[in-house]
Amino acid sequence: MADRRKEIRAVVRLEVQPGSPSLRRPPFYVTHNISVSGMFLITSDPLPENTRLKLNFQIPGDSEKIQVLGEVVWCREKDENSPYFPGMGIRFLGISDRDRAIIDRFIQELIEEKTKGSSA
């Protein structure tokens, strides 16, 4: 699968709550990575592609919750022979400028920390 993502993403674990309790899903998902345009959610029971869902999460160090409308754009099934996490790729369809800026700032801070750590 070709990597078509254009945005910088950060590998980070965040709890993400689905905003629609009718989806018979777990109370929360965990991210594997995030960018300003989407995220990968780890789950052994991914939703079908093209499913839209509201997602709520909080960036560490920020007091405001972020709420986005996302769409499942691809899924990876559980495979015991694969080193990759099962889950689903989510593209953000609806995100406020404020929330986008919070995510962008968080990613830049993570990159700076990693750069400082590798040059020490």
C-alpha atoms as a PDB file:
ATOM      1  CA  MET A   1       0.000   0.000   0.000  1.00  0.00           C
ATOM      2  CA  ALA A   2       1.507   3.346  -1.037  1.00  0.00           C
ATOM      3  CA  ASP A   3       1.767   6.019   1.612  1.00  0.00           C
ATOM      4  CA  ARG A   4      -0.317   8.905   0.244  1.00  0.00           C
ATOM      5  CA  ARG A   5      -0.324  11.048   3.368  1.00  0.00           C
ATOM      6  CA  LYS A   6       0.857  14.613   2.853  1.00  0.00           C
ATOM      7  CA  GLU A   7       0.839  15.814   6.451  1.00  0.00           C
ATOM      8  CA  ILE A   8       3.497  15.153   9.071  1.00  0.00           C
ATOM      9  CA  ARG A   9       2.268  12.602  11.577  1.00  0.00           C
ATOM     10  CA  ALA A  10       3.443  11.738  15.050  1.00  0.00           C
ATOM     11  CA  VAL A  11       3.454   8.323  16.652  1.00  0.00           C
ATOM     12  CA  VAL A  12       1.586   8.854  19.899  1.00  0.00           C
ATOM     13  CA  ARG A  13      -0.915   7.065  22.134  1.00  0.00           C
ATOM     14  CA  LEU A  14      -4.092   9.031  22.810  1.00  0.00           C
ATOM     15  CA  GLU A  15      -7.475   7.838  24.052  1.00  0.00           C
ATOM     16  CA  VAL A  16     -10.201   8.660  21.537  1.00  0.00           C
ATOM     17  CA  GLN A  17     -13.885   8.365  22.423  1.00  0.00           C
ATOM     18  CA  PRO A  18     -16.401   7.686  19.680  1.00  0.00           C
ATOM     19  CA  GLY A  19     -19.101  10.354  19.797  1.00  0.00           C
ATOM     20  CA  SER A  20     -21.839   7.977  18.706  1.00  0.00           C
ATOM     21  CA  PRO A  21     -22.749   5.416  21.395  1.00  0.00           C
ATOM     22  CA  SER A  22     -24.955   3.557  18.918  1.00  0.00           C
ATOM     23  CA  LEU A  23     -21.907   2.143  17.114  1.00  0.00           C
ATOM     24  CA  ARG A  24     -21.631  -0.783  19.602  1.00  0.00           C
ATOM     25  CA  ARG A  25     -17.968   0.009  19.890  1.00  0.00           C
ATOM     26  CA  PRO A  26     -15.581   0.067  22.843  1.00  0.00           C
ATOM     27  CA  PRO A  27     -15.770   3.066  25.180  1.00  0.00           C
ATOM     28  CA  PHE A  28     -12.552   4.365  23.605  1.00  0.00           C
ATOM     29  CA  TYR A  29      -9.949   3.658  20.943  1.00  0.00           C
ATOM     30  CA  VAL A  30      -6.203   4.248  21.160  1.00  0.00           C
ATOM     31  CA  THR A  31      -4.288   6.056  18.439  1.00  0.00           C
ATOM     32  CA  HIS A  32      -1.104   4.781  16.861  1.00  0.00           C
ATOM     33  CA  ASN A  33      -0.431   8.074  15.095  1.00  0.00           C
ATOM     34  CA  ILE A  34      -2.024  11.438  14.370  1.00  0.00           C
ATOM     35  CA  SER A  35      -1.685  14.294  11.887  1.00  0.00           C
ATOM     36  CA  VAL A  36      -3.709  17.447  11.285  1.00  0.00           C
ATOM     37  CA  SER A  37      -5.668  15.549   8.629  1.00  0.00           C
ATOM     38  CA  GLY A  38      -6.338  12.225  10.357  1.00  0.00           C
ATOM     39  CA  MET A  39      -5.276   9.410  12.663  1.00  0.00           C
ATOM     40  CA  PHE A  40      -4.823   5.654  12.855  1.00  0.00           C
ATOM     41  CA  LEU A  41      -6.923   3.942  15.529  1.00  0.00           C
ATOM     42  CA  ILE A  42      -5.819   0.568  16.854  1.00  0.00           C
ATOM     43  CA  THR A  43      -8.680  -1.935  16.952  1.00  0.00           C
ATOM     44  CA  SER A  44      -9.190  -5.594  16.114  1.00  0.00           C
ATOM     45  CA  ASP A  45     -12.746  -4.751  15.035  1.00  0.00           C
ATOM     46  CA  PRO A  46     -12.510  -1.873  12.534  1.00  0.00           C
ATOM     47  CA  LEU A  47     -15.583  -0.143  11.169  1.00  0.00           C
ATOM     48  CA  PRO A  48     -16.365  -0.515   7.459  1.00  0.00           C
ATOM     49  CA  GLU A  49     -14.683   1.881   5.040  1.00  0.00           C
ATOM     50  CA  ASN A  50     -16.643   5.098   4.390  1.00  0.00           C
ATOM     51  CA  THR A  51     -18.197   4.995   7.887  1.00  0.00           C
ATOM     52  CA  ARG A  52     -18.431   8.476   9.363  1.00  0.00           C
ATOM     53  CA  LEU A  53     -18.123   9.017  13.088  1.00  0.00           C
ATOM     54  CA  LYS A  54     -17.576  11.757  15.615  1.00  0.00           C
ATOM     55  CA  LEU A  55     -14.418  11.436  17.666  1.00  0.00           C
ATOM     56  CA  ASN A  56     -13.508  13.202  20.900  1.00  0.00           C
ATOM     57  CA  PHE A  57     -10.009  13.360  22.352  1.00  0.00           C
ATOM     58  CA  GLN A  58      -7.679  15.553  24.330  1.00  0.00           C
ATOM     59  CA  ILE A  59      -4.108  16.544  23.584  1.00  0.00           C
ATOM     60  CA  PRO A  60      -1.822  16.197  26.642  1.00  0.00           C
ATOM     61  CA  GLY A  61      -1.265  19.578  28.254  1.00  0.00           C
ATOM     62  CA  ASP A  62      -4.342  21.154  26.669  1.00  0.00           C
ATOM     63  CA  SER A  63      -7.503  21.645  28.698  1.00  0.00           C
ATOM     64  CA  GLU A  64      -9.923  21.682  25.752  1.00  0.00           C
ATOM     65  CA  LYS A  65     -11.373  18.525  24.216  1.00  0.00           C
ATOM     66  CA  ILE A  66     -11.093  18.196  20.464  1.00  0.00           C
ATOM     67  CA  GLN A  67     -14.129  17.000  18.534  1.00  0.00           C
ATOM     68  CA  VAL A  68     -13.844  15.989  14.881  1.00  0.00           C
ATOM     69  CA  LEU A  69     -15.972  14.320  12.266  1.00  0.00           C
ATOM     70  CA  GLY A  70     -13.970  11.526  10.691  1.00  0.00           C
ATOM     71  CA  GLU A  71     -14.356   8.941   7.972  1.00  0.00           C
ATOM     72  CA  VAL A  72     -12.830   5.464   7.852  1.00  0.00           C
ATOM     73  CA  VAL A  73     -10.708   5.496   4.693  1.00  0.00           C
ATOM     74  CA  TRP A  74      -8.907   2.167   5.087  1.00  0.00           C
ATOM     75  CA  CYS A  75      -8.714  -0.839   7.409  1.00  0.00           C
ATOM     76  CA  ARG A  76      -6.040  -3.314   8.409  1.00  0.00           C
ATOM     77  CA  GLU A  77      -7.312  -6.641   9.695  1.00  0.00           C
ATOM     78  CA  LYS A  78      -5.539  -8.533  12.461  1.00  0.00           C
ATOM     79  CA  ASP A  79      -2.775 -10.716  11.025  1.00  0.00           C
ATOM     80  CA  GLU A  80      -0.607 -12.787  13.360  1.00  0.00           C
ATOM     81  CA  ASN A  81       2.173 -12.773  10.743  1.00  0.00           C
ATOM     82  CA  SER A  82       2.237  -8.986  10.387  1.00  0.00           C
ATOM     83  CA  PRO A  83       4.249  -6.567  12.532  1.00  0.00           C
ATOM     84  CA  TYR A  84       1.566  -3.889  12.043  1.00  0.00           C
ATOM     85  CA  PHE A  85      -1.292  -3.061  14.388  1.00  0.00           C
ATOM     86  CA  PRO A  86      -4.807  -3.894  13.218  1.00  0.00           C
ATOM     87  CA  GLY A  87      -7.077  -0.911  12.970  1.00  0.00           C
ATOM     88  CA  MET A  88      -8.464   1.814  10.776  1.00  0.00           C
ATOM     89  CA  GLY A  89      -7.216   4.960   9.134  1.00  0.00           C
ATOM     90  CA  ILE A  90      -9.436   7.970   9.799  1.00  0.00           C
ATOM     91  CA  ARG A  91      -9.513  11.106   7.649  1.00  0.00           C
ATOM     92  CA  PHE A  92     -10.817  14.232   9.362  1.00  0.00           C
ATOM     93  CA  LEU A  93     -13.767  15.690   7.448  1.00  0.00           C
ATOM     94  CA  GLY A  94     -14.778  18.351   9.917  1.00  0.00           C
ATOM     95  CA  ILE A  95     -12.240  20.012  12.203  1.00  0.00           C
ATOM     96  CA  SER A  96     -12.186  23.569  13.488  1.00  0.00           C
ATOM     97  CA  ASP A  97      -9.227  25.844  12.825  1.00  0.00           C
ATOM     98  CA  ARG A  98      -8.616  25.964  16.583  1.00  0.00           C
ATOM     99  CA  ASP A  99      -8.480  22.174  16.910  1.00  0.00           C
ATOM    100  CA  ARG A 100      -6.280  21.862  13.822  1.00  0.00           C
ATOM    101  CA  ALA A 101      -3.866  24.408  15.334  1.00  0.00           C
ATOM    102  CA  ILE A 102      -3.783  22.513  18.659  1.00  0.00           C
ATOM    103  CA  ILE A 103      -2.936  19.241  16.885  1.00  0.00           C
ATOM    104  CA  ASP A 104      -0.322  20.948  14.697  1.00  0.00           C
ATOM    105  CA  ARG A 105       1.358  22.568  17.711  1.00  0.00           C
ATOM    106  CA  PHE A 106       1.362  19.222  19.573  1.00  0.00           C
ATOM    107  CA  ILE A 107       2.993  17.425  16.617  1.00  0.00           C
ATOM    108  CA  GLN A 108       5.639  20.153  16.263  1.00  0.00           C
ATOM    109  CA  GLU A 109       6.441  19.898  19.987  1.00  0.00           C
ATOM    110  CA  LEU A 110       6.821  16.110  19.710  1.00  0.00           C
ATOM    111  CA  ILE A 111       9.149  16.515  16.727  1.00  0.00           C
ATOM    112  CA  GLU A 112      11.244  19.100  18.597  1.00  0.00           C
ATOM    113  CA  GLU A 113      11.505  16.800  21.642  1.00  0.00           C
ATOM    114  CA  LYS A 114      12.557  13.885  19.452  1.00  0.00           C
ATOM    115  CA  THR A 115      15.125  16.034  17.630  1.00  0.00           C
ATOM    116  CA  LYS A 116      16.586  17.280  20.926  1.00  0.00           C
ATOM    117  CA  GLY A 117      16.695  13.736  22.293  1.00  0.00           C
ATOM    118  CA  SER A 118      18.507  12.341  19.257  1.00  0.00           C
ATOM    119  CA  SER A 119      21.113  15.128  19.220  1.00  0.00           C
ATOM    120  CA  ALA A 120      21.991  14.777  22.915  1.00  0.00           C
END
